[in-house]
Amino acid sequence: MSTYSFYDASIPLTKEALESLQAILKKGSEAPNAASLPEARLVEDMLPLSFQVHFATDLAQKLVARATGTEPLTFENNLKTFDEFFQRIDKVKDILAKADKEIINKRVDVTVTIGLGPGKEGSMVIRNYLSGYIIPNLFFHVTTAYNIMRKEGVLLGKLDYLGPFLTKHVEL
């Protein structure tokens, strides 16, 4: 019987979320209005597509850093083009690919301190950091990216979002 580890619950799922983001962004990059999409928003008081990509990738690299006990990289929120989106996603997927399974599985109960907005911090153990912060935020920002592009007329369907999760387990 195989063991399902903390690594198994975190790193592959995070990678699949970034692959989903990459797949929907690819469709956005091919849309007639692609040049305007990076600054598109669902509503005026929400952050644009470029921020959704920035934050999703930042979450993923911070997960690896905190789960391995290393210092997270500092990513600037300066993405402007689809090429920059894809470069950032590829960089973070490379970080995920190099994540040390043994170290991550040993640190599941280590407490980490995270930023919760300007001037706010919180501490939690890594397992709760994954389930209570990383996963909900990651899915929120990937889904928001999908919704922004749908609102802007990009031809996306549910399988464009779910495909990177499902195709590893089911033939579609």
Protein backbone atom coordinates (compact mmCIF):
# COMPACT_ATOMS: atom_id res chain seq x y z
CA MET A 1 0.00 0.00 0.00
CA SER A 2 1.39 3.39 -0.92
CA THR A 3 1.54 6.29 1.49
CA TYR A 4 0.02 9.63 0.65
CA SER A 5 2.37 12.24 2.06
CA PHE A 6 2.21 15.94 2.73
CA TYR A 7 4.39 16.45 -0.32
CA ASP A 8 1.86 14.48 -2.40
CA ALA A 9 -0.96 16.68 -1.11
CA SER A 10 0.84 19.92 -1.83
CA ILE A 11 3.41 20.05 -4.61
CA PRO A 12 1.63 18.10 -7.41
CA LEU A 13 -1.66 19.96 -6.78
CA THR A 14 0.13 23.31 -6.86
CA LYS A 15 1.87 22.33 -10.10
CA GLU A 16 -1.46 21.30 -11.65
CA ALA A 17 -3.01 24.63 -10.61
CA LEU A 18 -0.20 26.46 -12.41
CA GLU A 19 -0.64 24.22 -15.45
CA SER A 20 -4.35 25.11 -15.44
CA LEU A 21 -3.45 28.79 -15.25
CA GLN A 22 -0.96 28.31 -18.09
CA ALA A 23 -3.59 26.55 -20.24
CA ILE A 24 -6.20 29.25 -19.83
CA LEU A 25 -3.63 32.00 -20.35
CA LYS A 26 -2.56 30.33 -23.60
CA LYS A 27 -6.10 30.71 -24.89
CA GLY A 28 -6.13 34.32 -23.71
CA SER A 29 -2.86 35.01 -25.51
CA GLU A 30 -4.48 33.85 -28.77
CA ALA A 31 -7.60 36.00 -28.40
CA PRO A 32 -8.10 39.03 -30.68
CA ASN A 33 -8.07 41.31 -27.61
CA ALA A 34 -4.97 39.69 -26.02
CA ALA A 35 -3.06 42.97 -25.70
CA SER A 36 -5.69 44.42 -23.36
CA LEU A 37 -6.20 41.33 -21.20
CA PRO A 38 -3.31 41.77 -18.72
CA GLU A 39 -5.01 44.87 -17.30
CA ALA A 40 -8.57 43.52 -17.54
CA ARG A 41 -10.60 43.19 -14.33
CA LEU A 42 -13.85 41.54 -13.32
CA VAL A 43 -15.02 44.76 -11.70
CA GLU A 44 -13.29 48.08 -11.19
CA ASP A 45 -12.32 47.54 -7.55
CA MET A 46 -10.69 44.14 -8.18
CA LEU A 47 -7.09 43.62 -9.22
CA PRO A 48 -6.29 42.85 -12.89
CA LEU A 49 -5.34 39.62 -14.63
CA SER A 50 -1.65 40.47 -14.27
CA PHE A 51 -2.03 40.47 -10.47
CA GLN A 52 -3.83 37.12 -10.50
CA VAL A 53 -0.85 35.56 -12.30
CA HIS A 54 1.62 37.32 -10.01
CA PHE A 55 -0.11 36.21 -6.82
CA ALA A 56 -0.73 32.60 -7.91
CA THR A 57 2.92 32.14 -8.83
CA ASP A 58 4.10 33.91 -5.69
CA LEU A 59 1.96 31.62 -3.53
CA ALA A 60 3.43 28.55 -5.20
CA GLN A 61 7.06 29.56 -4.75
CA LYS A 62 6.43 30.63 -1.15
CA LEU A 63 4.88 27.23 -0.41
CA VAL A 64 8.06 25.50 -1.56
CA ALA A 65 10.30 27.91 0.35
CA ARG A 66 8.40 27.65 3.61
CA ALA A 67 7.91 23.89 3.30
CA THR A 68 11.65 23.39 2.75
CA GLY A 69 12.84 25.98 5.27
CA THR A 70 14.37 28.36 2.75
CA GLU A 71 13.82 32.05 2.17
CA PRO A 72 11.10 32.81 -0.41
CA LEU A 73 12.07 34.74 -3.52
CA THR A 74 10.82 38.29 -3.88
CA PHE A 75 8.62 38.53 -6.95
CA GLU A 76 7.73 42.00 -8.13
CA ASN A 77 4.15 42.60 -9.22
CA ASN A 78 5.35 43.87 -12.61
CA LEU A 79 4.02 41.37 -15.16
CA LYS A 80 2.68 43.13 -18.25
CA THR A 81 2.51 40.60 -21.11
CA PHE A 82 1.54 37.01 -21.74
CA ASP A 83 5.19 36.19 -22.45
CA GLU A 84 6.06 37.46 -18.98
CA PHE A 85 3.18 35.44 -17.51
CA PHE A 86 4.49 32.25 -19.14
CA GLN A 87 8.10 32.94 -18.09
CA ARG A 88 7.03 33.42 -14.47
CA ILE A 89 4.91 30.26 -14.47
CA ASP A 90 7.77 28.24 -15.99
CA LYS A 91 10.18 29.59 -13.37
CA VAL A 92 7.86 28.55 -10.55
CA LYS A 93 7.14 25.15 -12.10
CA ASP A 94 10.91 24.61 -12.11
CA ILE A 95 11.00 25.50 -8.40
CA LEU A 96 8.19 23.01 -7.75
CA ALA A 97 10.02 20.30 -9.72
CA LYS A 98 13.11 20.75 -7.54
CA ALA A 99 11.22 20.69 -4.22
CA ASP A 100 12.74 18.09 -1.90
CA LYS A 101 10.06 15.55 -0.95
CA GLU A 102 11.89 14.29 2.15
CA ILE A 103 12.46 17.75 3.58
CA ILE A 104 8.86 18.79 2.93
CA ASN A 105 7.47 15.66 4.59
CA LYS A 106 9.65 16.24 7.67
CA ARG A 107 8.52 19.87 8.09
CA VAL A 108 4.75 19.34 8.07
CA ASP A 109 4.37 20.49 11.70
CA VAL A 110 6.86 23.37 11.60
CA THR A 111 5.35 26.79 12.37
CA VAL A 112 5.79 29.51 9.76
CA THR A 113 4.94 33.20 9.84
CA ILE A 114 3.19 34.65 6.81
CA GLY A 115 2.08 38.06 5.65
CA LEU A 116 -1.68 38.62 5.67
CA GLY A 117 -1.77 42.00 4.02
CA PRO A 118 -0.13 45.33 4.78
CA GLY A 119 1.14 45.31 8.35
CA LYS A 120 -0.49 41.98 9.25
CA GLU A 121 1.15 38.66 10.01
CA GLY A 122 -0.01 35.26 11.16
CA SER A 123 1.66 32.06 12.27
CA MET A 124 0.56 28.51 11.58
CA VAL A 125 1.99 25.07 11.04
CA ILE A 126 2.84 24.17 7.44
CA ARG A 127 -0.04 21.67 7.08
CA ASN A 128 -2.53 24.43 7.99
CA TYR A 129 -0.67 26.92 5.82
CA LEU A 130 -1.37 24.62 2.88
CA SER A 131 -5.02 23.86 3.64
CA GLY A 132 -6.06 27.20 5.11
CA TYR A 133 -4.07 29.64 3.03
CA ILE A 134 -2.23 28.32 -0.04
CA ILE A 135 -4.90 26.10 -1.61
CA PRO A 136 -7.86 28.49 -1.15
CA ASN A 137 -5.83 31.46 -2.37
CA LEU A 138 -4.29 29.57 -5.28
CA PHE A 139 -7.68 28.40 -6.54
CA PHE A 140 -9.20 31.84 -5.97
CA HIS A 141 -6.59 33.57 -8.13
CA VAL A 142 -6.54 30.92 -10.88
CA THR A 143 -10.35 30.97 -11.01
CA THR A 144 -10.37 34.77 -11.03
CA ALA A 145 -7.95 34.75 -13.98
CA TYR A 146 -10.32 32.36 -15.79
CA ASN A 147 -13.32 34.56 -14.98
CA ILE A 148 -11.60 37.77 -16.11
CA MET A 149 -10.83 36.25 -19.48
CA ARG A 150 -14.36 34.81 -19.84
CA LYS A 151 -15.77 38.25 -19.06
CA GLU A 152 -13.52 39.68 -21.79
CA GLY A 153 -14.82 37.18 -24.35
CA VAL A 154 -12.03 34.59 -24.39
CA LEU A 155 -13.49 31.26 -25.49
CA LEU A 156 -12.82 29.13 -22.44
CA GLY A 157 -14.72 26.14 -21.14
CA LYS A 158 -14.69 24.21 -17.91
CA LEU A 159 -12.29 21.61 -19.32
CA ASP A 160 -9.74 24.32 -20.12
CA TYR A 161 -9.58 24.88 -16.36
CA LEU A 162 -9.97 21.26 -15.21
CA GLY A 163 -7.94 19.55 -17.93
CA PRO A 164 -4.52 19.84 -16.25
CA PHE A 165 -6.00 18.29 -13.08
CA LEU A 166 -8.03 15.53 -14.74
CA THR A 167 -5.89 14.34 -17.64
CA LYS A 168 -3.29 12.82 -15.32
CA HIS A 169 -5.97 10.53 -13.89
CA VAL A 170 -8.66 10.06 -16.55
CA GLU A 171 -8.61 9.81 -20.31
CA LEU A 172 -10.82 12.55 -21.73
